[in-house]
Amino acid sequence: MIDVSILYPNEAGATFDFDYYRDQHMTMIQQKMAGACSHFTIEKGLQGPVPGSDPTYLAIGHLFFESLDAFTAAFGPHAKAIGADIANYTNLKPIIQISEVLVG
């Protein structure tokens, strides 16, 4: 299984609309990828590694696919539309990490 992680750094002046991200953006991605995306999760940063510190990331999204090929085939045709929607929920530039899930 492949996990596409989308990390949104906690930066000064950052804005993030969790409701839009959950209800519109991630749902739109899952619909556009026509079944290739098995499910998604969303995390909201609470704290950094030191008690009381700010979180390193405001939000982290995870999209799950059966394989890297499945992700690549499903994402390619919709990359532009997905990227264009980012401004609707945040002023941050996301960091993308694609990983193989070994346990989970």
PDB file of N, CA and C in Angstrom:
ATOM      1  N   MET A   1       0.845  -1.172   0.000  1.00  0.00           N
ATOM      2  CA  MET A   1       0.000   0.000   0.000  1.00  0.00           C
ATOM      3  C   MET A   1       0.893   1.238   0.000  1.00  0.00           C
ATOM      4  N   ILE A   2       0.431   2.286  -0.667  1.00  0.00           N
ATOM      5  CA  ILE A   2       1.145   3.550  -0.784  1.00  0.00           C
ATOM      6  C   ILE A   2       0.402   4.626   0.010  1.00  0.00           C
ATOM      7  N   ASP A   3       1.165   5.414   0.749  1.00  0.00           N
ATOM      8  CA  ASP A   3       0.628   6.544   1.512  1.00  0.00           C
ATOM      9  C   ASP A   3       1.206   7.821   0.910  1.00  0.00           C
ATOM     10  N   VAL A   4       0.338   8.656   0.381  1.00  0.00           N
ATOM     11  CA  VAL A   4       0.750   9.972  -0.097  1.00  0.00           C
ATOM     12  C   VAL A   4       0.459  10.946   1.038  1.00  0.00           C
ATOM     13  N   SER A   5       1.524  11.422   1.679  1.00  0.00           N
ATOM     14  CA  SER A   5       1.390  12.340   2.813  1.00  0.00           C
ATOM     15  C   SER A   5       1.540  13.769   2.318  1.00  0.00           C
ATOM     16  N   ILE A   6       0.631  14.631   2.756  1.00  0.00           N
ATOM     17  CA  ILE A   6       0.645  16.038   2.390  1.00  0.00           C
ATOM     18  C   ILE A   6       0.800  16.816   3.688  1.00  0.00           C
ATOM     19  N   LEU A   7       1.954  17.437   3.869  1.00  0.00           N
ATOM     20  CA  LEU A   7       2.287  18.103   5.123  1.00  0.00           C
ATOM     21  C   LEU A   7       2.240  19.619   4.940  1.00  0.00           C
ATOM     22  N   TYR A   8       1.577  20.289   5.870  1.00  0.00           N
ATOM     23  CA  TYR A   8       1.422  21.741   5.829  1.00  0.00           C
ATOM     24  C   TYR A   8       2.174  22.337   7.016  1.00  0.00           C
ATOM     25  N   PRO A   9       3.357  22.927   6.769  1.00  0.00           N
ATOM     26  CA  PRO A   9       4.184  23.452   7.856  1.00  0.00           C
ATOM     27  C   PRO A   9       3.489  24.555   8.648  1.00  0.00           C
ATOM     28  N   ASN A  10       3.774  24.588   9.933  1.00  0.00           N
ATOM     29  CA  ASN A  10       3.244  25.632  10.804  1.00  0.00           C
ATOM     30  C   ASN A  10       4.153  26.851  10.676  1.00  0.00           C
ATOM     31  N   GLU A  11       3.740  27.815   9.866  1.00  0.00           N
ATOM     32  CA  GLU A  11       4.529  29.016   9.616  1.00  0.00           C
ATOM     33  C   GLU A  11       3.778  30.244  10.123  1.00  0.00           C
ATOM     34  N   ALA A  12       4.517  31.292  10.427  1.00  0.00           N
ATOM     35  CA  ALA A  12       3.903  32.553  10.863  1.00  0.00           C
ATOM     36  C   ALA A  12       2.934  33.046   9.796  1.00  0.00           C
ATOM     37  N   GLY A  13       1.749  33.443  10.213  1.00  0.00           N
ATOM     38  CA  GLY A  13       0.749  33.968   9.287  1.00  0.00           C
ATOM     39  C   GLY A  13      -0.011  32.915   8.509  1.00  0.00           C
ATOM     40  N   ALA A  14       0.196  31.656   8.844  1.00  0.00           N
ATOM     41  CA  ALA A  14      -0.471  30.569   8.118  1.00  0.00           C
ATOM     42  C   ALA A  14      -1.963  30.541   8.418  1.00  0.00           C
ATOM     43  N   THR A  15      -2.734  30.213   7.387  1.00  0.00           N
ATOM     44  CA  THR A  15      -4.171  29.990   7.550  1.00  0.00           C
ATOM     45  C   THR A  15      -4.494  28.599   7.018  1.00  0.00           C
ATOM     46  N   PHE A  16      -5.493  27.962   7.624  1.00  0.00           N
ATOM     47  CA  PHE A  16      -5.887  26.619   7.191  1.00  0.00           C
ATOM     48  C   PHE A  16      -7.342  26.389   7.580  1.00  0.00           C
ATOM     49  N   ASP A  17      -8.176  26.102   6.590  1.00  0.00           N
ATOM     50  CA  ASP A  17      -9.603  25.844   6.809  1.00  0.00           C
ATOM     51  C   ASP A  17      -9.818  24.328   6.826  1.00  0.00           C
ATOM     52  N   PHE A  18      -9.857  23.755   8.034  1.00  0.00           N
ATOM     53  CA  PHE A  18      -9.997  22.305   8.170  1.00  0.00           C
ATOM     54  C   PHE A  18     -11.327  21.796   7.630  1.00  0.00           C
ATOM     55  N   ASP A  19     -12.395  22.563   7.797  1.00  0.00           N
ATOM     56  CA  ASP A  19     -13.697  22.130   7.289  1.00  0.00           C
ATOM     57  C   ASP A  19     -13.670  22.004   5.770  1.00  0.00           C
ATOM     58  N   TYR A  20     -13.124  23.001   5.093  1.00  0.00           N
ATOM     59  CA  TYR A  20     -13.038  22.944   3.626  1.00  0.00           C
ATOM     60  C   TYR A  20     -12.139  21.785   3.200  1.00  0.00           C
ATOM     61  N   TYR A  21     -11.008  21.635   3.874  1.00  0.00           N
ATOM     62  CA  TYR A  21     -10.059  20.571   3.533  1.00  0.00           C
ATOM     63  C   TYR A  21     -10.730  19.200   3.626  1.00  0.00           C
ATOM     64  N   ARG A  22     -11.470  18.986   4.700  1.00  0.00           N
ATOM     65  CA  ARG A  22     -12.147  17.705   4.913  1.00  0.00           C
ATOM     66  C   ARG A  22     -13.333  17.521   3.968  1.00  0.00           C
ATOM     67  N   ASP A  23     -14.217  18.515   3.936  1.00  0.00           N
ATOM     68  CA  ASP A  23     -15.498  18.359   3.242  1.00  0.00           C
ATOM     69  C   ASP A  23     -15.422  18.581   1.736  1.00  0.00           C
ATOM     70  N   GLN A  24     -14.465  19.377   1.284  1.00  0.00           N
ATOM     71  CA  GLN A  24     -14.384  19.700  -0.141  1.00  0.00           C
ATOM     72  C   GLN A  24     -13.137  19.116  -0.808  1.00  0.00           C
ATOM     73  N   HIS A  25     -11.967  19.527  -0.324  1.00  0.00           N
ATOM     74  CA  HIS A  25     -10.729  19.182  -1.033  1.00  0.00           C
ATOM     75  C   HIS A  25     -10.442  17.680  -1.044  1.00  0.00           C
ATOM     76  N   MET A  26     -10.368  17.080   0.128  1.00  0.00           N
ATOM     77  CA  MET A  26     -10.021  15.652   0.177  1.00  0.00           C
ATOM     78  C   MET A  26     -11.123  14.795  -0.443  1.00  0.00           C
ATOM     79  N   THR A  27     -12.358  15.181  -0.263  1.00  0.00           N
ATOM     80  CA  THR A  27     -13.471  14.454  -0.881  1.00  0.00           C
ATOM     81  C   THR A  27     -13.397  14.567  -2.399  1.00  0.00           C
ATOM     82  N   MET A  28     -13.062  15.755  -2.913  1.00  0.00           N
ATOM     83  CA  MET A  28     -12.899  15.958  -4.351  1.00  0.00           C
ATOM     84  C   MET A  28     -11.783  15.077  -4.907  1.00  0.00           C
ATOM     85  N   ILE A  29     -10.670  14.994  -4.189  1.00  0.00           N
ATOM     86  CA  ILE A  29      -9.568  14.143  -4.639  1.00  0.00           C
ATOM     87  C   ILE A  29     -10.028  12.697  -4.728  1.00  0.00           C
ATOM     88  N   GLN A  30     -10.685  12.212  -3.694  1.00  0.00           N
ATOM     89  CA  GLN A  30     -11.141  10.825  -3.686  1.00  0.00           C
ATOM     90  C   GLN A  30     -12.111  10.568  -4.838  1.00  0.00           C
ATOM     91  N   GLN A  31     -12.993  11.498  -5.128  1.00  0.00           N
ATOM     92  CA  GLN A  31     -13.945  11.338  -6.233  1.00  0.00           C
ATOM     93  C   GLN A  31     -13.238  11.362  -7.583  1.00  0.00           C
ATOM     94  N   LYS A  32     -12.307  12.290  -7.779  1.00  0.00           N
ATOM     95  CA  LYS A  32     -11.602  12.397  -9.059  1.00  0.00           C
ATOM     96  C   LYS A  32     -10.741  11.171  -9.331  1.00  0.00           C
ATOM     97  N   MET A  33     -10.272  10.531  -8.303  1.00  0.00           N
ATOM     98  CA  MET A  33      -9.393   9.387  -8.487  1.00  0.00           C
ATOM     99  C   MET A  33     -10.156   8.075  -8.626  1.00  0.00           C
ATOM    100  N   ALA A  34     -11.434   8.180  -8.812  1.00  0.00           N
ATOM    101  CA  ALA A  34     -12.309   7.074  -9.241  1.00  0.00           C
ATOM    102  C   ALA A  34     -11.969   5.709  -8.651  1.00  0.00           C
ATOM    103  N   GLY A  35     -11.905   5.647  -7.333  1.00  0.00           N
ATOM    104  CA  GLY A  35     -11.696   4.357  -6.687  1.00  0.00           C
ATOM    105  C   GLY A  35     -10.244   3.975  -6.464  1.00  0.00           C
ATOM    106  N   ALA A  36      -9.292   4.683  -7.069  1.00  0.00           N
ATOM    107  CA  ALA A  36      -7.879   4.356  -6.861  1.00  0.00           C
ATOM    108  C   ALA A  36      -7.444   4.707  -5.440  1.00  0.00           C
ATOM    109  N   CYS A  37      -8.031   5.769  -4.893  1.00  0.00           N
ATOM    110  CA  CYS A  37      -7.749   6.191  -3.521  1.00  0.00           C
ATOM    111  C   CYS A  37      -8.699   5.425  -2.603  1.00  0.00           C
ATOM    112  N   SER A  38      -8.154   4.493  -1.828  1.00  0.00           N
ATOM    113  CA  SER A  38      -9.014   3.655  -0.988  1.00  0.00           C
ATOM    114  C   SER A  38      -9.621   4.438   0.173  1.00  0.00           C
ATOM    115  N   HIS A  39      -8.841   5.338   0.758  1.00  0.00           N
ATOM    116  CA  HIS A  39      -9.339   6.163   1.856  1.00  0.00           C
ATOM    117  C   HIS A  39      -8.337   7.273   2.152  1.00  0.00           C
ATOM    118  N   PHE A  40      -8.754   8.195   3.002  1.00  0.00           N
ATOM    119  CA  PHE A  40      -7.854   9.265   3.418  1.00  0.00           C
ATOM    120  C   PHE A  40      -8.027   9.529   4.903  1.00  0.00           C
ATOM    121  N   THR A  41      -6.995  10.137   5.488  1.00  0.00           N
ATOM    122  CA  THR A  41      -7.059  10.581   6.875  1.00  0.00           C
ATOM    123  C   THR A  41      -6.535  12.013   6.939  1.00  0.00           C
ATOM    124  N   ILE A  42      -6.942  12.728   7.968  1.00  0.00           N
ATOM    125  CA  ILE A  42      -6.501  14.103   8.185  1.00  0.00           C
ATOM    126  C   ILE A  42      -6.081  14.234   9.643  1.00  0.00           C
ATOM    127  N   GLU A  43      -4.915  14.836   9.847  1.00  0.00           N
ATOM    128  CA  GLU A  43      -4.412  15.092  11.191  1.00  0.00           C
ATOM    129  C   GLU A  43      -4.295  16.596  11.407  1.00  0.00           C
ATOM    130  N   LYS A  44      -4.641  17.041  12.598  1.00  0.00           N
ATOM    131  CA  LYS A  44      -4.489  18.447  12.985  1.00  0.00           C
ATOM    132  C   LYS A  44      -3.390  18.528  14.039  1.00  0.00           C
ATOM    133  N   GLY A  45      -2.336  19.297  13.745  1.00  0.00           N
ATOM    134  CA  GLY A  45      -1.212  19.416  14.667  1.00  0.00           C
ATOM    135  C   GLY A  45      -1.618  20.052  15.981  1.00  0.00           C
ATOM    136  N   LEU A  46      -1.173  19.462  17.078  1.00  0.00           N
ATOM    137  CA  LEU A  46      -1.481  19.978  18.409  1.00  0.00           C
ATOM    138  C   LEU A  46      -0.257  20.546  19.120  1.00  0.00           C
ATOM    139  N   GLN A  47       0.886  19.894  18.927  1.00  0.00           N
ATOM    140  CA  GLN A  47       2.075  20.268  19.686  1.00  0.00           C
ATOM    141  C   GLN A  47       3.305  19.713  18.989  1.00  0.00           C
ATOM    142  N   GLY A  48       4.450  20.380  19.184  1.00  0.00           N
ATOM    143  CA  GLY A  48       5.724  19.872  18.693  1.00  0.00           C
ATOM    144  C   GLY A  48       6.301  18.856  19.664  1.00  0.00           C
ATOM    145  N   PRO A  49       7.576  18.513  19.495  1.00  0.00           N
ATOM    146  CA  PRO A  49       8.176  17.472  20.330  1.00  0.00           C
ATOM    147  C   PRO A  49       8.383  17.870  21.790  1.00  0.00           C
ATOM    148  N   VAL A  50       8.399  19.170  22.073  1.00  0.00           N
ATOM    149  CA  VAL A  50       8.579  19.652  23.443  1.00  0.00           C
ATOM    150  C   VAL A  50       7.212  20.053  23.996  1.00  0.00           C
ATOM    151  N   PRO A  51       6.855  19.578  25.190  1.00  0.00           N
ATOM    152  CA  PRO A  51       5.560  19.949  25.760  1.00  0.00           C
ATOM    153  C   PRO A  51       5.339  21.464  25.728  1.00  0.00           C
ATOM    154  N   GLY A  52       4.176  21.857  25.229  1.00  0.00           N
ATOM    155  CA  GLY A  52       3.818  23.259  25.147  1.00  0.00           C
ATOM    156  C   GLY A  52       4.319  23.976  23.905  1.00  0.00           C
ATOM    157  N   SER A  53       5.112  23.294  23.084  1.00  0.00           N
ATOM    158  CA  SER A  53       5.632  23.937  21.868  1.00  0.00           C
ATOM    159  C   SER A  53       4.600  23.882  20.748  1.00  0.00           C
ATOM    160  N   ASP A  54       4.768  24.773  19.785  1.00  0.00           N
ATOM    161  CA  ASP A  54       3.870  24.794  18.636  1.00  0.00           C
ATOM    162  C   ASP A  54       4.084  23.546  17.785  1.00  0.00           C
ATOM    163  N   PRO A  55       3.029  23.077  17.123  1.00  0.00           N
ATOM    164  CA  PRO A  55       3.185  21.910  16.255  1.00  0.00           C
ATOM    165  C   PRO A  55       4.097  22.229  15.069  1.00  0.00           C
ATOM    166  N   THR A  56       4.839  21.244  14.624  1.00  0.00           N
ATOM    167  CA  THR A  56       5.699  21.400  13.453  1.00  0.00           C
ATOM    168  C   THR A  56       4.853  21.598  12.202  1.00  0.00           C
ATOM    169  N   TYR A  57       3.738  20.888  12.135  1.00  0.00           N
ATOM    170  CA  TYR A  57       2.816  20.977  10.996  1.00  0.00           C
ATOM    171  C   TYR A  57       1.426  21.343  11.503  1.00  0.00           C
ATOM    172  N   LEU A  58       0.762  22.259  10.791  1.00  0.00           N
ATOM    173  CA  LEU A  58      -0.626  22.597  11.120  1.00  0.00           C
ATOM    174  C   LEU A  58      -1.546  21.436  10.801  1.00  0.00           C
ATOM    175  N   ALA A  59      -1.285  20.805   9.666  1.00  0.00           N
ATOM    176  CA  ALA A  59      -2.141  19.708   9.209  1.00  0.00           C
ATOM    177  C   ALA A  59      -1.308  18.729   8.400  1.00  0.00           C
ATOM    178  N   ILE A  60      -1.755  17.476   8.419  1.00  0.00           N
ATOM    179  CA  ILE A  60      -1.166  16.438   7.576  1.00  0.00           C
ATOM    180  C   ILE A  60      -2.315  15.618   7.013  1.00  0.00           C
ATOM    181  N   GLY A  61      -2.336  15.489   5.709  1.00  0.00           N
ATOM    182  CA  GLY A  61      -3.314  14.637   5.043  1.00  0.00           C
ATOM    183  C   GLY A  61      -2.630  13.389   4.525  1.00  0.00           C
ATOM    184  N   HIS A  62      -3.356  12.293   4.504  1.00  0.00           N
ATOM    185  CA  HIS A  62      -2.830  11.036   3.971  1.00  0.00           C
ATOM    186  C   HIS A  62      -3.845  10.463   2.988  1.00  0.00           C
ATOM    187  N   LEU A  63      -3.360  10.110   1.804  1.00  0.00           N
ATOM    188  CA  LEU A  63      -4.176   9.441   0.781  1.00  0.00           C
ATOM    189  C   LEU A  63      -3.572   8.062   0.559  1.00  0.00           C
ATOM    190  N   PHE A  64      -4.408   7.038   0.516  1.00  0.00           N
ATOM    191  CA  PHE A  64      -3.909   5.667   0.421  1.00  0.00           C
ATOM    192  C   PHE A  64      -4.300   5.028  -0.907  1.00  0.00           C
ATOM    193  N   PHE A  65      -3.309   4.373  -1.523  1.00  0.00           N
ATOM    194  CA  PHE A  65      -3.469   3.727  -2.829  1.00  0.00           C
ATOM    195  C   PHE A  65      -2.863   2.331  -2.774  1.00  0.00           C
ATOM    196  N   GLU A  66      -3.353   1.453  -3.626  1.00  0.00           N
ATOM    197  CA  GLU A  66      -2.847   0.082  -3.672  1.00  0.00           C
ATOM    198  C   GLU A  66      -1.386   0.032  -4.126  1.00  0.00           C
ATOM    199  N   SER A  67      -1.003   0.919  -5.057  1.00  0.00           N
ATOM    200  CA  SER A  67       0.359   0.893  -5.590  1.00  0.00           C
ATOM    201  C   SER A  67       0.762   2.282  -6.072  1.00  0.00           C
ATOM    202  N   LEU A  68       2.050   2.461  -6.294  1.00  0.00           N
ATOM    203  CA  LEU A  68       2.549   3.718  -6.837  1.00  0.00           C
ATOM    204  C   LEU A  68       2.006   3.942  -8.242  1.00  0.00           C
ATOM    205  N   ASP A  69       1.918   2.883  -9.031  1.00  0.00           N
ATOM    206  CA  ASP A  69       1.351   2.994 -10.381  1.00  0.00           C
ATOM    207  C   ASP A  69      -0.105   3.448 -10.333  1.00  0.00           C
ATOM    208  N   ALA A  70      -0.872   2.926  -9.379  1.00  0.00           N
ATOM    209  CA  ALA A  70      -2.282   3.319  -9.249  1.00  0.00           C
ATOM    210  C   ALA A  70      -2.388   4.800  -8.901  1.00  0.00           C
ATOM    211  N   PHE A  71      -1.536   5.266  -7.996  1.00  0.00           N
ATOM    212  CA  PHE A  71      -1.539   6.690  -7.652  1.00  0.00           C
ATOM    213  C   PHE A  71      -1.166   7.540  -8.857  1.00  0.00           C
ATOM    214  N   THR A  72      -0.082   7.190  -9.527  1.00  0.00           N
ATOM    215  CA  THR A  72       0.406   7.977 -10.660  1.00  0.00           C
ATOM    216  C   THR A  72      -0.644   8.075 -11.759  1.00  0.00           C
ATOM    217  N   ALA A  73      -1.278   6.961 -12.083  1.00  0.00           N
ATOM    218  CA  ALA A  73      -2.296   6.948 -13.141  1.00  0.00           C
ATOM    219  C   ALA A  73      -3.517   7.778 -12.751  1.00  0.00           C
ATOM    220  N   ALA A  74      -3.907   7.720 -11.487  1.00  0.00           N
ATOM    221  CA  ALA A  74      -5.107   8.434 -11.038  1.00  0.00           C
ATOM    222  C   ALA A  74      -4.848   9.926 -10.834  1.00  0.00           C
ATOM    223  N   PHE A  75      -3.670  10.279 -10.356  1.00  0.00           N
ATOM    224  CA  PHE A  75      -3.370  11.664 -10.025  1.00  0.00           C
ATOM    225  C   PHE A  75      -3.065  12.514 -11.255  1.00  0.00           C
ATOM    226  N   GLY A  76      -2.305  11.973 -12.178  1.00  0.00           N
ATOM    227  CA  GLY A  76      -1.839  12.727 -13.342  1.00  0.00           C
ATOM    228  C   GLY A  76      -2.883  13.584 -14.036  1.00  0.00           C
ATOM    229  N   PRO A  77      -4.016  13.008 -14.429  1.00  0.00           N
ATOM    230  CA  PRO A  77      -5.017  13.790 -15.158  1.00  0.00           C
ATOM    231  C   PRO A  77      -5.670  14.903 -14.328  1.00  0.00           C
ATOM    232  N   HIS A  78      -5.549  14.841 -13.011  1.00  0.00           N
ATOM    233  CA  HIS A  78      -6.243  15.797 -12.138  1.00  0.00           C
ATOM    234  C   HIS A  78      -5.289  16.702 -11.358  1.00  0.00           C
ATOM    235  N   ALA A  79      -3.995  16.574 -11.589  1.00  0.00           N
ATOM    236  CA  ALA A  79      -3.000  17.315 -10.806  1.00  0.00           C
ATOM    237  C   ALA A  79      -3.241  18.818 -10.836  1.00  0.00           C
ATOM    238  N   LYS A  80      -3.535  19.359 -11.994  1.00  0.00           N
ATOM    239  CA  LYS A  80      -3.724  20.809 -12.119  1.00  0.00           C
ATOM    240  C   LYS A  80      -4.936  21.283 -11.309  1.00  0.00           C
ATOM    241  N   ALA A  81      -6.056  20.583 -11.422  1.00  0.00           N
ATOM    242  CA  ALA A  81      -7.275  20.964 -10.694  1.00  0.00           C
ATOM    243  C   ALA A  81      -7.079  20.829  -9.188  1.00  0.00           C
ATOM    244  N   ILE A  82      -6.408  19.772  -8.768  1.00  0.00           N
ATOM    245  CA  ILE A  82      -6.160  19.566  -7.339  1.00  0.00           C
ATOM    246  C   ILE A  82      -5.266  20.674  -6.800  1.00  0.00           C
ATOM    247  N   GLY A  83      -4.200  20.989  -7.525  1.00  0.00           N
ATOM    248  CA  GLY A  83      -3.298  22.062  -7.109  1.00  0.00           C
ATOM    249  C   GLY A  83      -3.981  23.417  -7.055  1.00  0.00           C
ATOM    250  N   ALA A  84      -4.870  23.679  -8.001  1.00  0.00           N
ATOM    251  CA  ALA A  84      -5.569  24.966  -8.054  1.00  0.00           C
ATOM    252  C   ALA A  84      -6.503  25.159  -6.865  1.00  0.00           C
ATOM    253  N   ASP A  85      -6.956  24.075  -6.254  1.00  0.00           N
ATOM    254  CA  ASP A  85      -7.894  24.162  -5.134  1.00  0.00           C
ATOM    255  C   ASP A  85      -7.207  24.502  -3.810  1.00  0.00           C
ATOM    256  N   ILE A  86      -5.906  24.363  -3.733  1.00  0.00           N
ATOM    257  CA  ILE A  86      -5.189  24.583  -2.473  1.00  0.00           C
ATOM    258  C   ILE A  86      -5.454  25.971  -1.905  1.00  0.00           C
ATOM    259  N   ALA A  87      -5.487  26.982  -2.760  1.00  0.00           N
ATOM    260  CA  ALA A  87      -5.700  28.363  -2.296  1.00  0.00           C
ATOM    261  C   ALA A  87      -7.059  28.558  -1.633  1.00  0.00           C
ATOM    262  N   ASN A  88      -7.980  27.618  -1.825  1.00  0.00           N
ATOM    263  CA  ASN A  88      -9.301  27.724  -1.206  1.00  0.00           C
ATOM    264  C   ASN A  88      -9.299  27.369   0.281  1.00  0.00           C
ATOM    265  N   TYR A  89      -8.231  26.735   0.775  1.00  0.00           N
ATOM    266  CA  TYR A  89      -8.224  26.365   2.191  1.00  0.00           C
ATOM    267  C   TYR A  89      -6.955  26.748   2.947  1.00  0.00           C
ATOM    268  N   THR A  90      -5.887  27.143   2.241  1.00  0.00           N
ATOM    269  CA  THR A  90      -4.663  27.518   2.955  1.00  0.00           C
ATOM    270  C   THR A  90      -3.809  28.462   2.123  1.00  0.00           C
ATOM    271  N   ASN A  91      -2.928  29.176   2.818  1.00  0.00           N
ATOM    272  CA  ASN A  91      -1.936  30.003   2.140  1.00  0.00           C
ATOM    273  C   ASN A  91      -0.552  29.351   2.205  1.00  0.00           C
ATOM    274  N   LEU A  92      -0.507  28.097   2.597  1.00  0.00           N
ATOM    275  CA  LEU A  92       0.743  27.348   2.720  1.00  0.00           C
ATOM    276  C   LEU A  92       1.036  26.538   1.463  1.00  0.00           C
ATOM    277  N   LYS A  93       2.319  26.279   1.241  1.00  0.00           N
ATOM    278  CA  LYS A  93       2.729  25.373   0.168  1.00  0.00           C
ATOM    279  C   LYS A  93       2.957  23.998   0.806  1.00  0.00           C
ATOM    280  N   PRO A  94       2.194  22.992   0.390  1.00  0.00           N
ATOM    281  CA  PRO A  94       2.339  21.675   1.015  1.00  0.00           C
ATOM    282  C   PRO A  94       3.643  20.979   0.623  1.00  0.00           C
ATOM    283  N   ILE A  95       4.096  20.137   1.527  1.00  0.00           N
ATOM    284  CA  ILE A  95       5.239  19.254   1.289  1.00  0.00           C
ATOM    285  C   ILE A  95       4.657  17.867   1.044  1.00  0.00           C
ATOM    286  N   ILE A  96       5.088  17.215  -0.022  1.00  0.00           N
ATOM    287  CA  ILE A  96       4.542  15.903  -0.388  1.00  0.00           C
ATOM    288  C   ILE A  96       5.591  14.823  -0.147  1.00  0.00           C
ATOM    289  N   GLN A  97       5.167  13.736   0.470  1.00  0.00           N
ATOM    290  CA  GLN A  97       6.011  12.556   0.681  1.00  0.00           C
ATOM    291  C   GLN A  97       5.206  11.339   0.258  1.00  0.00           C
ATOM    292  N   ILE A  98       5.772  10.510  -0.609  1.00  0.00           N
ATOM    293  CA  ILE A  98       5.118   9.265  -1.019  1.00  0.00           C
ATOM    294  C   ILE A  98       5.896   8.115  -0.398  1.00  0.00           C
ATOM    295  N   SER A  99       5.188   7.277   0.354  1.00  0.00           N
ATOM    296  CA  SER A  99       5.824   6.207   1.118  1.00  0.00           C
ATOM    297  C   SER A  99       5.112   4.884   0.897  1.00  0.00           C
ATOM    298  N   GLU A 100       5.854   3.820   1.103  1.00  0.00           N
ATOM    299  CA  GLU A 100       5.266   2.485   1.138  1.00  0.00           C
ATOM    300  C   GLU A 100       4.902   2.185   2.591  1.00  0.00           C
ATOM    301  N   VAL A 101       3.675   1.755   2.819  1.00  0.00           N
ATOM    302  CA  VAL A 101       3.233   1.397   4.165  1.00  0.00           C
ATOM    303  C   VAL A 101       3.752  -0.011   4.463  1.00  0.00           C
ATOM    304  N   LEU A 102       4.579  -0.129   5.481  1.00  0.00           N
ATOM    305  CA  LEU A 102       5.138  -1.430   5.847  1.00  0.00           C
ATOM    306  C   LEU A 102       4.309  -2.126   6.917  1.00  0.00           C
ATOM    307  N   VAL A 103       3.730  -1.357   7.820  1.00  0.00           N
ATOM    308  CA  VAL A 103       2.877  -1.888   8.879  1.00  0.00           C
ATOM    309  C   VAL A 103       1.704  -0.928   9.034  1.00  0.00           C
ATOM    310  N   GLY A 104       0.500  -1.477   9.158  1.00  0.00           N
ATOM    311  CA  GLY A 104      -0.632  -0.590   9.392  1.00  0.00           C
ATOM    312  C   GLY A 104      -1.901  -1.056   8.760  1.00  0.00           C
TER     313      GLY A 104
END
